[in-house]
Amino acid sequence: MPACFVIMGFGKKTDFATGRTLDLDKTYKNIIKPAITAAGYNCVRADEVLHSGVIDVPMYEMLFAADLVVADLSTSNLNAVFELGVRYALKSRATIIIAEEQFKDPFDVNHIVIRPYIHLGTDIGFDETMRMRQELQTLAEALKTRQAVDSPVYTVLSDLQQPARTSVAAAEAIAAAQSKAANKDTYAAKFGIAIEAKNTGNFDLAKKILQQIYVEQTRPGPDGKPKTPRPRVIQELALATYKAGGKAAETAGPDVALAAYTEAEELLQQLDPETTTSPETLGLWSAIHKLRAEMPVRSDAERRADLDIAVNAAERGFFICRDYYNGTNLAYLLNLRASLSSGDDRIADNVLAERARRQVVEISTKWLETLGAEKSAPATEPDAPGSFEEEKYWTAASHAESLVVLGDRSGPDFLQKAISSAPAQWMADATLKQLDKVKALLAGMQQGK
């Protein structure tokens, strides 16, 4: 069976040109892999081949030996752009480029065909999934026999001779990649188990698996220096670490949580949280310091110091993404800091929190209109983690929370509708708990004028 190698980012990535977060795993699992498989190819992505998840020899082998390469350049992923360049240099044909429709190409590639598709929030609608899947399948089937050159390298340098390897070496490279893709010990398989454990609340198991991946990725290379792990591995390990610590603290005491927060903080230091523009890293950095600030066993000065860090990270994340999640979190943090302040500082933080919530209402209104326009069934199962239904719920819940806190008359009605639409009870409980915390903060400040 012919082989197709897919080059793209993994997981949720922020498109800095638009501030949106796109779930690229949804693109791969819902569009690319089904389409390419239906076209008669064995489809693999880099994380399904590599045991460590780090770019190395198998990636170069597949870029050369694969009968077809599909490159998704969404979010202007530098790894994908680099790998596409390698493919173009090695092969004159059988390369397909796709990207989310708002992709801003930084290069002069008007002569290269980039096929667009549309994301709805972090998900992709059913209609768009089916349309793009059919387009990709048709093109992949045609490329089995079509010999037209699509590499700009070989188009411009028409007398260039494509490099060659023995047919045995090429066949062995493809066979090895296909074998690894079926291996349950690959980076993708282990990472998938960890994420599933996290989504079901088993943070101890998630942490254990992610630590194994982290150790594999940081093993010294040929130069004897430790390799750099993938940012998403660091992010997910930090999340599992502080979540596991917080859960253990329910019975073992607050010191366990504080130790876990410090461990998670040290992991994230590798991603330069003080200067990064990664919303994912900023969100985690803010969350750790928020959790510390909410611990009554710590002094007001310690809590205030953590809140300053949490607010700074949340502000930067909201500035980059302009999304309802970061906006709602920022508003809460500002109210929390106001509760530990007085005078002009308290007034300023509460005013900024109100402004953030008004922006959340504006943002979530637009998102709800976009998500509501999806007429067909979602492309993922309704109860799947991160599904279309979850996206709609959290958008509606953030919208309702902001309206209620702002004192808008429509708030209670919006809240009731949002709660009744929750895909899972824990989501509704989380929304009500967060709203109660905000109300308590505001009431406490009102009473202590």
Foldseek 3Di string as FASTA:
>chain_A
DAAEEEEDDAAWAAQLVALAIAGVVQCCVLAVCVLLVVLPHDYDYQQLQALLSDDDDLLLLCLQLGLAYEAECESNDVRSVVSVVSSLQQDFDRYAAEYAPVDDDPDPVPVADYHHFHAQGRHHFPVRSVVNSNVSNVVNNVSVPDDDGRRPVCVVVVVDDHDDDDPVSSVVSRVSRSVSSPDCSGSVNLQVVLVVCVVVPNLVSSLVSLVVSVVSQQQADPVRGGHDHDPVSLLSNLVSQLSVQVVVCVPVNCVSNVVSLVVSVVSLVVVVLVDDLTLSSLQSLLVSLCVVLPDPVDDLVSSLVSLVSNLVSLVSSCVSNVELVSLLVNLLSLLSNLLSDDDPSNVVSNVVSLVSLVSLLVRLVVSLVSLVVRDDDGSDDCPDVPTSLQVNLVSLLSNLLSCVVNVNPCNVVSLVVSLVSDPDNVVSVVSVVSSVSSVVSVVSVVVVD
